[in-house]
Amino acid sequence: MKFEIMYEIPPMRGIFRTEINADSIKDAEEKIRLNPETANYRIREIKEIQ
């Protein structure tokens, strides 16, 4: 499945979007949190896309 992640990167302002392949919303969130490059993202929303 593919998910769209809406996030902020502190202390910048603005909202960014990226797509990630994952098995579930929880899996997508874990992939973001455990990756050193994306660990400081402030996740606003995760939604499944087709």
PDB file of N, CA and C in Angstrom:
ATOM      1  N   MET A   1       0.839  -1.179   0.000  1.00  0.00           N
ATOM      2  CA  MET A   1       0.000   0.000   0.000  1.00  0.00           C
ATOM      3  C   MET A   1       0.883   1.240   0.000  1.00  0.00           C
ATOM      4  N   LYS A   2       0.330   2.312  -0.479  1.00  0.00           N
ATOM      5  CA  LYS A   2       1.059   3.580  -0.530  1.00  0.00           C
ATOM      6  C   LYS A   2       0.320   4.594   0.350  1.00  0.00           C
ATOM      7  N   PHE A   3       1.099   5.359   1.105  1.00  0.00           N
ATOM      8  CA  PHE A   3       0.531   6.350   2.005  1.00  0.00           C
ATOM      9  C   PHE A   3       1.151   7.709   1.741  1.00  0.00           C
ATOM     10  N   GLU A   4       0.337   8.747   1.908  1.00  0.00           N
ATOM     11  CA  GLU A   4       0.831  10.116   1.818  1.00  0.00           C
ATOM     12  C   GLU A   4       1.012  10.619   3.246  1.00  0.00           C
ATOM     13  N   ILE A   5       2.193  11.176   3.507  1.00  0.00           N
ATOM     14  CA  ILE A   5       2.508  11.723   4.820  1.00  0.00           C
ATOM     15  C   ILE A   5       2.555  13.242   4.705  1.00  0.00           C
ATOM     16  N   MET A   6       1.763  13.932   5.513  1.00  0.00           N
ATOM     17  CA  MET A   6       1.838  15.389   5.619  1.00  0.00           C
ATOM     18  C   MET A   6       2.621  15.681   6.888  1.00  0.00           C
ATOM     19  N   TYR A   7       3.658  16.537   6.792  1.00  0.00           N
ATOM     20  CA  TYR A   7       4.509  16.752   7.954  1.00  0.00           C
ATOM     21  C   TYR A   7       5.113  18.154   7.964  1.00  0.00           C
ATOM     22  N   GLU A   8       5.624  18.514   9.127  1.00  0.00           N
ATOM     23  CA  GLU A   8       6.400  19.746   9.311  1.00  0.00           C
ATOM     24  C   GLU A   8       7.785  19.326   9.785  1.00  0.00           C
ATOM     25  N   ILE A   9       8.786  20.155   9.515  1.00  0.00           N
ATOM     26  CA  ILE A   9      10.121  19.921  10.040  1.00  0.00           C
ATOM     27  C   ILE A   9      10.460  21.115  10.925  1.00  0.00           C
ATOM     28  N   PRO A  10      10.418  20.934  12.248  1.00  0.00           N
ATOM     29  CA  PRO A  10      10.749  22.062  13.125  1.00  0.00           C
ATOM     30  C   PRO A  10      12.186  22.502  12.903  1.00  0.00           C
ATOM     31  N   PRO A  11      12.554  23.763  13.025  1.00  0.00           N
ATOM     32  CA  PRO A  11      11.698  24.904  13.358  1.00  0.00           C
ATOM     33  C   PRO A  11      11.132  25.616  12.132  1.00  0.00           C
ATOM     34  N   MET A  12      11.275  25.025  10.951  1.00  0.00           N
ATOM     35  CA  MET A  12      10.746  25.668   9.743  1.00  0.00           C
ATOM     36  C   MET A  12       9.225  25.740   9.802  1.00  0.00           C
ATOM     37  N   ARG A  13       8.697  26.632   9.030  1.00  0.00           N
ATOM     38  CA  ARG A  13       7.242  26.726   8.940  1.00  0.00           C
ATOM     39  C   ARG A  13       6.823  26.217   7.574  1.00  0.00           C
ATOM     40  N   GLY A  14       5.646  25.672   7.526  1.00  0.00           N
ATOM     41  CA  GLY A  14       5.136  25.144   6.282  1.00  0.00           C
ATOM     42  C   GLY A  14       4.840  23.661   6.432  1.00  0.00           C
ATOM     43  N   ILE A  15       4.083  23.168   5.503  1.00  0.00           N
ATOM     44  CA  ILE A  15       3.689  21.761   5.511  1.00  0.00           C
ATOM     45  C   ILE A  15       4.216  21.120   4.245  1.00  0.00           C
ATOM     46  N   PHE A  16       4.776  19.954   4.404  1.00  0.00           N
ATOM     47  CA  PHE A  16       5.366  19.213   3.300  1.00  0.00           C
ATOM     48  C   PHE A  16       4.629  17.896   3.143  1.00  0.00           C
ATOM     49  N   ARG A  17       4.797  17.271   1.988  1.00  0.00           N
ATOM     50  CA  ARG A  17       4.163  15.978   1.721  1.00  0.00           C
ATOM     51  C   ARG A  17       5.180  15.040   1.095  1.00  0.00           C
ATOM     52  N   THR A  18       5.041  13.768   1.409  1.00  0.00           N
ATOM     53  CA  THR A  18       5.838  12.732   0.777  1.00  0.00           C
ATOM     54  C   THR A  18       5.005  11.464   0.712  1.00  0.00           C
ATOM     55  N   GLU A  19       5.431  10.523  -0.089  1.00  0.00           N
ATOM     56  CA  GLU A  19       4.740   9.239  -0.194  1.00  0.00           C
ATOM     57  C   GLU A  19       5.667   8.148   0.295  1.00  0.00           C
ATOM     58  N   ILE A  20       5.073   7.109   0.888  1.00  0.00           N
ATOM     59  CA  ILE A  20       5.848   5.998   1.423  1.00  0.00           C
ATOM     60  C   ILE A  20       5.062   4.705   1.198  1.00  0.00           C
ATOM     61  N   ASN A  21       5.767   3.635   0.917  1.00  0.00           N
ATOM     62  CA  ASN A  21       5.142   2.314   0.817  1.00  0.00           C
ATOM     63  C   ASN A  21       5.214   1.654   2.185  1.00  0.00           C
ATOM     64  N   ALA A  22       4.077   1.131   2.644  1.00  0.00           N
ATOM     65  CA  ALA A  22       4.016   0.488   3.948  1.00  0.00           C
ATOM     66  C   ALA A  22       2.832  -0.473   3.977  1.00  0.00           C
ATOM     67  N   ASP A  23       2.798  -1.329   4.994  1.00  0.00           N
ATOM     68  CA  ASP A  23       1.714  -2.305   5.126  1.00  0.00           C
ATOM     69  C   ASP A  23       0.465  -1.714   5.768  1.00  0.00           C
ATOM     70  N   SER A  24       0.630  -0.664   6.580  1.00  0.00           N
ATOM     71  CA  SER A  24      -0.495  -0.041   7.281  1.00  0.00           C
ATOM     72  C   SER A  24      -0.095   1.372   7.677  1.00  0.00           C
ATOM     73  N   ILE A  25      -1.055   2.122   8.192  1.00  0.00           N
ATOM     74  CA  ILE A  25      -0.754   3.473   8.668  1.00  0.00           C
ATOM     75  C   ILE A  25       0.261   3.408   9.809  1.00  0.00           C
ATOM     76  N   LYS A  26       0.078   2.447  10.712  1.00  0.00           N
ATOM     77  CA  LYS A  26       1.013   2.294  11.831  1.00  0.00           C
ATOM     78  C   LYS A  26       2.422   1.975  11.321  1.00  0.00           C
ATOM     79  N   ASP A  27       2.515   1.105  10.321  1.00  0.00           N
ATOM     80  CA  ASP A  27       3.807   0.754   9.731  1.00  0.00           C
ATOM     81  C   ASP A  27       4.445   1.988   9.081  1.00  0.00           C
ATOM     82  N   ALA A  28       3.648   2.787   8.386  1.00  0.00           N
ATOM     83  CA  ALA A  28       4.162   4.006   7.752  1.00  0.00           C
ATOM     84  C   ALA A  28       4.713   4.962   8.808  1.00  0.00           C
ATOM     85  N   GLU A  29       3.983   5.126   9.903  1.00  0.00           N
ATOM     86  CA  GLU A  29       4.443   6.013  10.980  1.00  0.00           C
ATOM     87  C   GLU A  29       5.743   5.500  11.600  1.00  0.00           C
ATOM     88  N   GLU A  30       5.845   4.199  11.810  1.00  0.00           N
ATOM     89  CA  GLU A  30       7.064   3.614  12.379  1.00  0.00           C
ATOM     90  C   GLU A  30       8.258   3.817  11.445  1.00  0.00           C
ATOM     91  N   LYS A  31       8.037   3.657  10.138  1.00  0.00           N
ATOM     92  CA  LYS A  31       9.126   3.868   9.179  1.00  0.00           C
ATOM     93  C   LYS A  31       9.638   5.299   9.228  1.00  0.00           C
ATOM     94  N   ILE A  32       8.744   6.270   9.388  1.00  0.00           N
ATOM     95  CA  ILE A  32       9.139   7.674   9.495  1.00  0.00           C
ATOM     96  C   ILE A  32       9.917   7.898  10.794  1.00  0.00           C
ATOM     97  N   ARG A  33       9.384   7.403  11.902  1.00  0.00           N
ATOM     98  CA  ARG A  33       9.987   7.637  13.227  1.00  0.00           C
ATOM     99  C   ARG A  33      11.340   6.943  13.395  1.00  0.00           C
ATOM    100  N   LEU A  34      11.533   5.774  12.772  1.00  0.00           N
ATOM    101  CA  LEU A  34      12.762   5.007  12.970  1.00  0.00           C
ATOM    102  C   LEU A  34      13.874   5.370  11.993  1.00  0.00           C
ATOM    103  N   ASN A  35      13.556   6.109  10.945  1.00  0.00           N
ATOM    104  CA  ASN A  35      14.563   6.523   9.967  1.00  0.00           C
ATOM    105  C   ASN A  35      15.277   7.770  10.495  1.00  0.00           C
ATOM    106  N   PRO A  36      16.602   7.731  10.656  1.00  0.00           N
ATOM    107  CA  PRO A  36      17.311   8.910  11.189  1.00  0.00           C
ATOM    108  C   PRO A  36      17.082  10.187  10.374  1.00  0.00           C
ATOM    109  N   GLU A  37      16.868  10.075   9.085  1.00  0.00           N
ATOM    110  CA  GLU A  37      16.656  11.260   8.245  1.00  0.00           C
ATOM    111  C   GLU A  37      15.281  11.894   8.454  1.00  0.00           C
ATOM    112  N   THR A  38      14.303  11.109   8.891  1.00  0.00           N
ATOM    113  CA  THR A  38      12.940  11.627   9.035  1.00  0.00           C
ATOM    114  C   THR A  38      12.434  11.606  10.475  1.00  0.00           C
ATOM    115  N   ALA A  39      13.273  11.211  11.413  1.00  0.00           N
ATOM    116  CA  ALA A  39      12.849  11.048  12.811  1.00  0.00           C
ATOM    117  C   ALA A  39      12.329  12.341  13.434  1.00  0.00           C
ATOM    118  N   ASN A  40      12.793  13.505  12.967  1.00  0.00           N
ATOM    119  CA  ASN A  40      12.327  14.760  13.563  1.00  0.00           C
ATOM    120  C   ASN A  40      11.128  15.358  12.828  1.00  0.00           C
ATOM    121  N   TYR A  41      10.568  14.645  11.877  1.00  0.00           N
ATOM    122  CA  TYR A  41       9.350  15.143  11.222  1.00  0.00           C
ATOM    123  C   TYR A  41       8.236  15.218  12.249  1.00  0.00           C
ATOM    124  N   ARG A  42       7.454  16.258  12.191  1.00  0.00           N
ATOM    125  CA  ARG A  42       6.265  16.367  13.018  1.00  0.00           C
ATOM    126  C   ARG A  42       5.094  15.965  12.119  1.00  0.00           C
ATOM    127  N   ILE A  43       4.652  14.738  12.244  1.00  0.00           N
ATOM    128  CA  ILE A  43       3.617  14.197  11.355  1.00  0.00           C
ATOM    129  C   ILE A  43       2.280  14.858  11.651  1.00  0.00           C
ATOM    130  N   ARG A  44       1.649  15.356  10.598  1.00  0.00           N
ATOM    131  CA  ARG A  44       0.333  15.999  10.718  1.00  0.00           C
ATOM    132  C   ARG A  44      -0.775  15.034  10.331  1.00  0.00           C
ATOM    133  N   GLU A  45      -0.528  14.245   9.276  1.00  0.00           N
ATOM    134  CA  GLU A  45      -1.577  13.343   8.780  1.00  0.00           C
ATOM    135  C   GLU A  45      -0.933  12.247   7.942  1.00  0.00           C
ATOM    136  N   ILE A  46      -1.503  11.048   8.042  1.00  0.00           N
ATOM    137  CA  ILE A  46      -1.108   9.940   7.172  1.00  0.00           C
ATOM    138  C   ILE A  46      -2.388   9.412   6.541  1.00  0.00           C
ATOM    139  N   LYS A  47      -2.405   9.329   5.209  1.00  0.00           N
ATOM    140  CA  LYS A  47      -3.598   8.775   4.558  1.00  0.00           C
ATOM    141  C   LYS A  47      -3.190   7.856   3.427  1.00  0.00           C
ATOM    142  N   GLU A  48      -4.019   6.840   3.219  1.00  0.00           N
ATOM    143  CA  GLU A  48      -3.763   5.874   2.156  1.00  0.00           C
ATOM    144  C   GLU A  48      -4.114   6.499   0.807  1.00  0.00           C
ATOM    145  N   ILE A  49      -3.257   6.268  -0.177  1.00  0.00           N
ATOM    146  CA  ILE A  49      -3.542   6.731  -1.532  1.00  0.00           C
ATOM    147  C   ILE A  49      -3.489   5.545  -2.473  1.00  0.00           C
ATOM    148  N   GLN A  50      -4.045   5.721  -3.649  1.00  0.00           N
ATOM    149  CA  GLN A  50      -4.070   4.609  -4.606  1.00  0.00           C
ATOM    150  C   GLN A  50      -3.091   4.815  -5.718  1.00  0.00           C
TER     151      GLN A  50
END
